[in-house]
Amino acid sequence: MEGALVILAVLVAVGLLLFYFDRRKPHQHHNAVAAKAEKAEKTEKAEKEQQQVCCGLHAVCEKKYAKPASDKPEYYDDEELDVLADRDPQTYTEAERDMLRDVVLTLRREDAWGWSRSLEMRHIELPPDIRDELLMLLSD
């Protein structure tokens, strides 16, 4: 019985010593968690900023399609689309959306990148559904 009490006393003493030394030093684990959370917050903020200026072609723009940009947009028999310049895509009428969709559906695959670059230079934004169709054409 005395042996069990001695073992218990030693375990309590060791536990108290460990507790004391653990509380004495700064917690690296908590600092690491805080740093990780801060990094995640910065990354999220940067992603939000990037999404605000994103043209929607980031999935393919760094691939083989990258060409030196000229200072004048190239037209693909779509001069009528210039009426959409500097407008919010949500304000497009159905007829304007159909114009855009017709051009996307008649584009050759090798012209799709140049056309999207031309739209960007002309400040014409695509509605999300038409942009998705263009991205599918580019990724094929």
N, C-alpha and C. Protein backbone atom coordinates (compact mmCIF):
# COMPACT_ATOMS: atom_id res chain seq x y z
N MET A 1 0.81 -1.18 0.00
CA MET A 1 0.00 0.00 0.00
C MET A 1 0.86 1.26 0.00
N GLU A 2 1.95 1.21 0.79
CA GLU A 2 2.84 2.37 0.83
C GLU A 2 3.50 2.57 -0.52
N GLY A 3 3.78 1.51 -1.22
CA GLY A 3 4.40 1.61 -2.55
C GLY A 3 3.49 2.32 -3.53
N ALA A 4 2.20 2.02 -3.45
CA ALA A 4 1.23 2.66 -4.34
C ALA A 4 1.13 4.15 -4.05
N LEU A 5 1.19 4.51 -2.75
CA LEU A 5 1.13 5.93 -2.39
C LEU A 5 2.38 6.67 -2.86
N VAL A 6 3.52 6.02 -2.79
CA VAL A 6 4.77 6.63 -3.25
C VAL A 6 4.69 6.85 -4.76
N ILE A 7 4.22 5.85 -5.48
CA ILE A 7 4.10 5.98 -6.94
C ILE A 7 3.11 7.09 -7.29
N LEU A 8 2.00 7.16 -6.57
CA LEU A 8 1.01 8.21 -6.80
C LEU A 8 1.60 9.59 -6.52
N ALA A 9 2.36 9.71 -5.43
CA ALA A 9 2.98 10.99 -5.08
C ALA A 9 3.99 11.41 -6.14
N VAL A 10 4.76 10.46 -6.64
CA VAL A 10 5.75 10.77 -7.69
C VAL A 10 5.02 11.21 -8.96
N LEU A 11 3.96 10.51 -9.32
CA LEU A 11 3.20 10.88 -10.52
C LEU A 11 2.59 12.28 -10.39
N VAL A 12 2.07 12.61 -9.22
CA VAL A 12 1.51 13.94 -8.99
C VAL A 12 2.60 14.99 -9.09
N ALA A 13 3.77 14.72 -8.50
CA ALA A 13 4.88 15.67 -8.54
C ALA A 13 5.34 15.88 -9.98
N VAL A 14 5.48 14.81 -10.73
CA VAL A 14 5.90 14.92 -12.13
C VAL A 14 4.85 15.69 -12.93
N GLY A 15 3.58 15.41 -12.68
CA GLY A 15 2.50 16.12 -13.37
C GLY A 15 2.53 17.60 -13.07
N LEU A 16 2.75 17.96 -11.81
CA LEU A 16 2.82 19.38 -11.44
C LEU A 16 4.02 20.07 -12.09
N LEU A 17 5.16 19.37 -12.13
CA LEU A 17 6.34 19.95 -12.78
C LEU A 17 6.09 20.17 -14.28
N LEU A 18 5.51 19.19 -14.92
CA LEU A 18 5.21 19.33 -16.35
C LEU A 18 4.23 20.47 -16.60
N PHE A 19 3.22 20.57 -15.76
CA PHE A 19 2.24 21.64 -15.88
C PHE A 19 2.91 23.00 -15.71
N TYR A 20 3.79 23.12 -14.72
CA TYR A 20 4.50 24.38 -14.45
C TYR A 20 5.35 24.79 -15.65
N PHE A 21 6.15 23.86 -16.18
CA PHE A 21 7.03 24.20 -17.30
C PHE A 21 6.26 24.45 -18.60
N ASP A 22 5.12 23.79 -18.73
CA ASP A 22 4.30 24.02 -19.92
C ASP A 22 3.71 25.42 -19.90
N ARG A 23 3.29 25.89 -18.76
CA ARG A 23 2.69 27.22 -18.64
C ARG A 23 3.73 28.33 -18.70
N ARG A 24 4.96 28.00 -18.38
CA ARG A 24 6.03 28.99 -18.35
C ARG A 24 6.45 29.44 -19.73
N LYS A 25 6.51 28.54 -20.69
CA LYS A 25 6.97 28.91 -22.03
C LYS A 25 5.78 29.29 -22.90
N PRO A 26 6.00 30.17 -23.88
CA PRO A 26 4.90 30.56 -24.77
C PRO A 26 4.49 29.37 -25.64
N HIS A 27 3.23 29.31 -25.94
CA HIS A 27 2.72 28.19 -26.71
C HIS A 27 2.99 28.40 -28.20
N GLN A 28 3.83 27.56 -28.72
CA GLN A 28 4.14 27.63 -30.14
C GLN A 28 2.95 27.15 -30.96
N HIS A 29 2.21 26.22 -30.42
CA HIS A 29 1.06 25.69 -31.15
C HIS A 29 0.02 26.79 -31.38
N HIS A 30 -0.27 27.57 -30.36
CA HIS A 30 -1.26 28.63 -30.51
C HIS A 30 -0.77 29.70 -31.47
N ASN A 31 0.53 30.01 -31.44
CA ASN A 31 1.08 30.98 -32.37
C ASN A 31 0.99 30.46 -33.80
N ALA A 32 1.25 29.18 -33.98
CA ALA A 32 1.17 28.59 -35.32
C ALA A 32 -0.26 28.62 -35.84
N VAL A 33 -1.21 28.33 -34.98
CA VAL A 33 -2.62 28.35 -35.39
C VAL A 33 -3.03 29.78 -35.76
N ALA A 34 -2.61 30.74 -34.97
CA ALA A 34 -2.95 32.14 -35.25
C ALA A 34 -2.31 32.59 -36.56
N ALA A 35 -1.06 32.21 -36.79
CA ALA A 35 -0.38 32.58 -38.03
C ALA A 35 -1.05 31.92 -39.23
N LYS A 36 -1.47 30.69 -39.07
CA LYS A 36 -2.14 29.97 -40.15
C LYS A 36 -3.48 30.63 -40.48
N ALA A 37 -4.21 31.03 -39.46
CA ALA A 37 -5.50 31.70 -39.66
C ALA A 37 -5.30 33.05 -40.35
N GLU A 38 -4.26 33.77 -39.95
CA GLU A 38 -3.98 35.07 -40.55
C GLU A 38 -3.59 34.90 -42.02
N LYS A 39 -2.79 33.87 -42.31
CA LYS A 39 -2.39 33.61 -43.69
C LYS A 39 -3.60 33.25 -44.54
N ALA A 40 -4.50 32.43 -43.99
CA ALA A 40 -5.71 32.04 -44.72
C ALA A 40 -6.58 33.26 -45.00
N GLU A 41 -6.65 34.17 -44.04
CA GLU A 41 -7.45 35.39 -44.21
C GLU A 41 -6.86 36.26 -45.31
N LYS A 42 -5.53 36.40 -45.33
CA LYS A 42 -4.88 37.19 -46.38
C LYS A 42 -5.10 36.56 -47.74
N THR A 43 -5.00 35.24 -47.81
CA THR A 43 -5.20 34.54 -49.08
C THR A 43 -6.62 34.73 -49.57
N GLU A 44 -7.57 34.64 -48.67
CA GLU A 44 -8.98 34.82 -49.03
C GLU A 44 -9.22 36.24 -49.53
N LYS A 45 -8.61 37.21 -48.86
CA LYS A 45 -8.78 38.61 -49.27
C LYS A 45 -8.16 38.83 -50.65
N ALA A 46 -6.99 38.24 -50.90
CA ALA A 46 -6.35 38.37 -52.20
C ALA A 46 -7.18 37.72 -53.30
N GLU A 47 -7.79 36.58 -53.00
CA GLU A 47 -8.64 35.91 -53.97
C GLU A 47 -9.87 36.75 -54.31
N LYS A 48 -10.44 37.40 -53.30
CA LYS A 48 -11.59 38.26 -53.55
C LYS A 48 -11.21 39.43 -54.44
N GLU A 49 -10.04 40.02 -54.18
CA GLU A 49 -9.59 41.13 -55.01
C GLU A 49 -9.34 40.67 -56.43
N GLN A 50 -8.77 39.47 -56.58
CA GLN A 50 -8.49 38.94 -57.91
C GLN A 50 -9.79 38.66 -58.64
N GLN A 51 -10.80 38.17 -57.95
CA GLN A 51 -12.07 37.88 -58.58
C GLN A 51 -12.74 39.15 -59.09
N GLN A 52 -12.51 40.26 -58.42
CA GLN A 52 -13.13 41.50 -58.83
C GLN A 52 -12.56 42.00 -60.15
N VAL A 53 -11.31 41.70 -60.44
CA VAL A 53 -10.70 42.15 -61.68
C VAL A 53 -10.48 41.00 -62.65
N CYS A 54 -11.06 39.86 -62.37
CA CYS A 54 -10.84 38.68 -63.18
C CYS A 54 -11.65 38.74 -64.47
N CYS A 55 -11.03 38.36 -65.57
CA CYS A 55 -11.73 38.34 -66.85
C CYS A 55 -12.43 37.02 -67.07
N GLY A 56 -12.21 36.05 -66.20
CA GLY A 56 -12.86 34.76 -66.34
C GLY A 56 -12.06 33.76 -67.14
N LEU A 57 -10.93 34.17 -67.67
CA LEU A 57 -10.13 33.28 -68.49
C LEU A 57 -8.87 32.81 -67.78
N HIS A 58 -8.80 33.00 -66.47
CA HIS A 58 -7.59 32.63 -65.75
C HIS A 58 -7.29 31.14 -65.84
N ALA A 59 -8.28 30.33 -66.13
CA ALA A 59 -8.07 28.89 -66.22
C ALA A 59 -7.26 28.52 -67.45
N VAL A 60 -7.29 29.36 -68.47
CA VAL A 60 -6.61 29.02 -69.71
C VAL A 60 -5.62 30.08 -70.18
N CYS A 61 -5.60 31.25 -69.57
CA CYS A 61 -4.83 32.35 -70.15
C CYS A 61 -3.33 32.16 -70.03
N GLU A 62 -2.86 31.31 -69.15
CA GLU A 62 -1.43 31.13 -69.02
C GLU A 62 -0.93 29.92 -69.81
N LYS A 63 -1.78 29.35 -70.61
CA LYS A 63 -1.40 28.20 -71.41
C LYS A 63 -0.83 28.65 -72.74
N LYS A 64 -0.92 27.80 -73.72
CA LYS A 64 -0.33 28.05 -75.03
C LYS A 64 -0.98 29.21 -75.78
N TYR A 65 -2.10 29.71 -75.26
CA TYR A 65 -2.83 30.75 -75.97
C TYR A 65 -2.20 32.13 -75.81
N ALA A 66 -1.28 32.26 -74.89
CA ALA A 66 -0.72 33.58 -74.62
C ALA A 66 0.06 34.08 -75.83
N LYS A 67 -0.36 35.21 -76.35
CA LYS A 67 0.31 35.85 -77.46
C LYS A 67 0.62 37.28 -77.05
N PRO A 68 1.59 37.88 -77.68
CA PRO A 68 1.82 39.28 -77.36
C PRO A 68 0.58 40.10 -77.74
N ALA A 69 0.17 40.92 -76.81
CA ALA A 69 -1.04 41.72 -77.04
C ALA A 69 -0.72 42.93 -77.89
N SER A 70 -1.54 43.16 -78.89
CA SER A 70 -1.39 44.37 -79.68
C SER A 70 -2.20 45.47 -79.02
N ASP A 71 -2.00 46.69 -79.49
CA ASP A 71 -2.72 47.79 -78.86
C ASP A 71 -4.09 48.02 -79.48
N LYS A 72 -4.41 47.34 -80.59
CA LYS A 72 -5.71 47.47 -81.23
C LYS A 72 -6.42 46.12 -81.20
N PRO A 73 -7.70 46.12 -80.88
CA PRO A 73 -8.43 44.85 -80.87
C PRO A 73 -8.65 44.33 -82.29
N GLU A 74 -8.66 43.02 -82.41
CA GLU A 74 -8.93 42.39 -83.69
C GLU A 74 -10.43 42.08 -83.74
N TYR A 75 -11.06 42.41 -84.86
CA TYR A 75 -12.49 42.17 -84.99
C TYR A 75 -12.72 40.87 -85.75
N TYR A 76 -13.73 40.13 -85.33
CA TYR A 76 -14.09 38.85 -85.93
C TYR A 76 -15.48 38.96 -86.54
N ASP A 77 -15.67 39.94 -87.40
CA ASP A 77 -16.98 40.25 -87.99
C ASP A 77 -18.03 40.42 -86.90
N ASP A 78 -17.64 41.12 -85.84
CA ASP A 78 -18.55 41.30 -84.70
C ASP A 78 -18.57 42.76 -84.24
N GLU A 79 -18.48 43.67 -85.18
CA GLU A 79 -18.47 45.09 -84.83
C GLU A 79 -19.74 45.51 -84.11
N GLU A 80 -20.84 44.77 -84.36
CA GLU A 80 -22.11 45.11 -83.71
C GLU A 80 -22.05 44.94 -82.20
N LEU A 81 -21.07 44.21 -81.71
CA LEU A 81 -20.94 44.00 -80.27
C LEU A 81 -20.37 45.21 -79.54
N ASP A 82 -19.87 46.19 -80.28
CA ASP A 82 -19.31 47.38 -79.64
C ASP A 82 -20.35 48.16 -78.85
N VAL A 83 -21.63 47.95 -79.12
CA VAL A 83 -22.67 48.64 -78.34
C VAL A 83 -22.70 48.12 -76.90
N LEU A 84 -22.06 46.99 -76.63
CA LEU A 84 -22.05 46.40 -75.29
C LEU A 84 -20.87 46.87 -74.45
N ALA A 85 -20.02 47.70 -75.03
CA ALA A 85 -18.82 48.14 -74.32
C ALA A 85 -19.17 48.92 -73.06
N ASP A 86 -18.41 48.67 -72.02
CA ASP A 86 -18.54 49.36 -70.73
C ASP A 86 -19.94 49.23 -70.12
N ARG A 87 -20.57 48.08 -70.31
CA ARG A 87 -21.88 47.83 -69.71
C ARG A 87 -21.80 46.59 -68.83
N ASP A 88 -22.66 46.57 -67.85
CA ASP A 88 -22.76 45.41 -66.97
C ASP A 88 -23.48 44.29 -67.71
N PRO A 89 -22.94 43.08 -67.72
CA PRO A 89 -23.57 41.97 -68.45
C PRO A 89 -25.00 41.68 -68.00
N GLN A 90 -25.35 42.05 -66.79
CA GLN A 90 -26.70 41.77 -66.32
C GLN A 90 -27.73 42.72 -66.93
N THR A 91 -27.26 43.78 -67.58
CA THR A 91 -28.18 44.72 -68.21
C THR A 91 -28.41 44.40 -69.68
N TYR A 92 -27.77 43.35 -70.21
CA TYR A 92 -27.95 42.99 -71.61
C TYR A 92 -29.37 42.48 -71.84
N THR A 93 -29.93 42.85 -72.97
CA THR A 93 -31.24 42.32 -73.35
C THR A 93 -31.06 40.91 -73.91
N GLU A 94 -32.16 40.21 -74.10
CA GLU A 94 -32.08 38.85 -74.67
C GLU A 94 -31.50 38.89 -76.08
N ALA A 95 -31.84 39.92 -76.85
CA ALA A 95 -31.31 40.04 -78.21
C ALA A 95 -29.80 40.21 -78.18
N GLU A 96 -29.31 41.01 -77.24
CA GLU A 96 -27.86 41.22 -77.13
C GLU A 96 -27.17 39.95 -76.67
N ARG A 97 -27.79 39.23 -75.75
CA ARG A 97 -27.23 37.95 -75.30
C ARG A 97 -27.20 36.95 -76.46
N ASP A 98 -28.24 36.97 -77.28
CA ASP A 98 -28.28 36.07 -78.44
C ASP A 98 -27.19 36.42 -79.44
N MET A 99 -26.92 37.74 -79.61
CA MET A 99 -25.82 38.15 -80.49
C MET A 99 -24.50 37.55 -80.01
N LEU A 100 -24.25 37.68 -78.72
CA LEU A 100 -23.01 37.13 -78.16
C LEU A 100 -22.96 35.62 -78.31
N ARG A 101 -24.06 34.96 -77.99
CA ARG A 101 -24.10 33.50 -78.07
C ARG A 101 -23.88 33.03 -79.51
N ASP A 102 -24.46 33.75 -80.48
CA ASP A 102 -24.27 33.37 -81.88
C ASP A 102 -22.81 33.45 -82.28
N VAL A 103 -22.13 34.49 -81.83
CA VAL A 103 -20.70 34.61 -82.16
C VAL A 103 -19.91 33.48 -81.52
N VAL A 104 -20.20 33.17 -80.25
CA VAL A 104 -19.48 32.09 -79.57
C VAL A 104 -19.71 30.76 -80.27
N LEU A 105 -20.95 30.51 -80.68
CA LEU A 105 -21.27 29.23 -81.30
C LEU A 105 -20.68 29.09 -82.70
N THR A 106 -20.39 30.22 -83.36
CA THR A 106 -19.82 30.15 -84.71
C THR A 106 -18.30 30.32 -84.72
N LEU A 107 -17.72 30.53 -83.56
CA LEU A 107 -16.26 30.70 -83.49
C LEU A 107 -15.55 29.39 -83.77
N ARG A 108 -14.47 29.49 -84.49
CA ARG A 108 -13.59 28.33 -84.60
C ARG A 108 -12.77 28.26 -83.33
N ARG A 109 -12.40 27.06 -82.96
CA ARG A 109 -11.67 26.86 -81.71
C ARG A 109 -10.38 27.69 -81.66
N GLU A 110 -9.67 27.75 -82.77
CA GLU A 110 -8.39 28.48 -82.78
C GLU A 110 -8.58 30.00 -82.72
N ASP A 111 -9.79 30.48 -82.99
CA ASP A 111 -10.06 31.92 -82.91
C ASP A 111 -10.63 32.34 -81.56
N ALA A 112 -10.98 31.38 -80.72
CA ALA A 112 -11.67 31.69 -79.46
C ALA A 112 -10.81 32.55 -78.54
N TRP A 113 -9.53 32.22 -78.43
CA TRP A 113 -8.67 33.00 -77.54
C TRP A 113 -8.54 34.44 -78.03
N GLY A 114 -8.30 34.62 -79.31
CA GLY A 114 -8.17 35.97 -79.86
C GLY A 114 -9.44 36.78 -79.71
N TRP A 115 -10.58 36.12 -79.88
CA TRP A 115 -11.86 36.81 -79.73
C TRP A 115 -12.07 37.26 -78.29
N SER A 116 -11.74 36.40 -77.35
CA SER A 116 -11.90 36.78 -75.94
C SER A 116 -10.95 37.93 -75.59
N ARG A 117 -9.76 37.90 -76.14
CA ARG A 117 -8.81 39.00 -75.92
C ARG A 117 -9.35 40.29 -76.55
N SER A 118 -9.95 40.16 -77.73
CA SER A 118 -10.53 41.32 -78.40
C SER A 118 -11.66 41.92 -77.56
N LEU A 119 -12.51 41.07 -76.99
CA LEU A 119 -13.58 41.57 -76.13
C LEU A 119 -13.02 42.30 -74.92
N GLU A 120 -11.97 41.75 -74.36
CA GLU A 120 -11.35 42.39 -73.19
C GLU A 120 -10.82 43.77 -73.54
N MET A 121 -10.18 43.87 -74.70
CA MET A 121 -9.62 45.16 -75.12
C MET A 121 -10.72 46.16 -75.46
N ARG A 122 -11.88 45.67 -75.87
CA ARG A 122 -13.00 46.54 -76.21
C ARG A 122 -13.91 46.79 -75.01
N HIS A 123 -13.54 46.28 -73.85
CA HIS A 123 -14.29 46.47 -72.59
C HIS A 123 -15.70 45.90 -72.69
N ILE A 124 -15.80 44.72 -73.28
CA ILE A 124 -17.09 44.03 -73.38
C ILE A 124 -17.02 42.82 -72.46
N GLU A 125 -17.92 42.78 -71.49
CA GLU A 125 -17.96 41.66 -70.55
C GLU A 125 -19.00 40.65 -70.99
N LEU A 126 -18.69 39.39 -70.77
CA LEU A 126 -19.62 38.32 -71.12
C LEU A 126 -20.46 37.94 -69.90
N PRO A 127 -21.73 37.63 -70.12
CA PRO A 127 -22.53 37.08 -69.02
C PRO A 127 -21.96 35.72 -68.60
N PRO A 128 -22.17 35.30 -67.38
CA PRO A 128 -21.55 34.06 -66.89
C PRO A 128 -21.85 32.83 -67.73
N ASP A 129 -23.08 32.67 -68.21
CA ASP A 129 -23.40 31.47 -68.98
C ASP A 129 -22.68 31.45 -70.32
N ILE A 130 -22.56 32.60 -70.97
CA ILE A 130 -21.86 32.66 -72.25
C ILE A 130 -20.36 32.54 -72.03
N ARG A 131 -19.86 33.11 -70.93
CA ARG A 131 -18.44 32.96 -70.61
C ARG A 131 -18.10 31.49 -70.38
N ASP A 132 -19.00 30.75 -69.73
CA ASP A 132 -18.77 29.32 -69.53
C ASP A 132 -18.70 28.58 -70.85
N GLU A 133 -19.56 28.95 -71.80
CA GLU A 133 -19.51 28.32 -73.13
C GLU A 133 -18.17 28.60 -73.80
N LEU A 134 -17.70 29.84 -73.67
CA LEU A 134 -16.41 30.20 -74.26
C LEU A 134 -15.28 29.42 -73.59
N LEU A 135 -15.33 29.30 -72.28
CA LEU A 135 -14.29 28.55 -71.57
C LEU A 135 -14.30 27.09 -71.97
N MET A 136 -15.47 26.52 -72.20
CA MET A 136 -15.52 25.13 -72.67
C MET A 136 -14.89 25.02 -74.05
N LEU A 137 -15.14 26.00 -74.90
CA LEU A 137 -14.54 25.99 -76.23
C LEU A 137 -13.02 26.10 -76.14
N LEU A 138 -12.55 26.95 -75.23
CA LEU A 138 -11.11 27.13 -75.06
C LEU A 138 -10.44 25.91 -74.46
N SER A 139 -11.13 25.21 -73.58
CA SER A 139 -10.50 24.09 -72.89
C SER A 139 -10.57 22.78 -73.67
N ASP A 140 -11.34 22.74 -74.76
CA ASP A 140 -11.42 21.51 -75.56
C ASP A 140 -10.11 21.16 -76.20
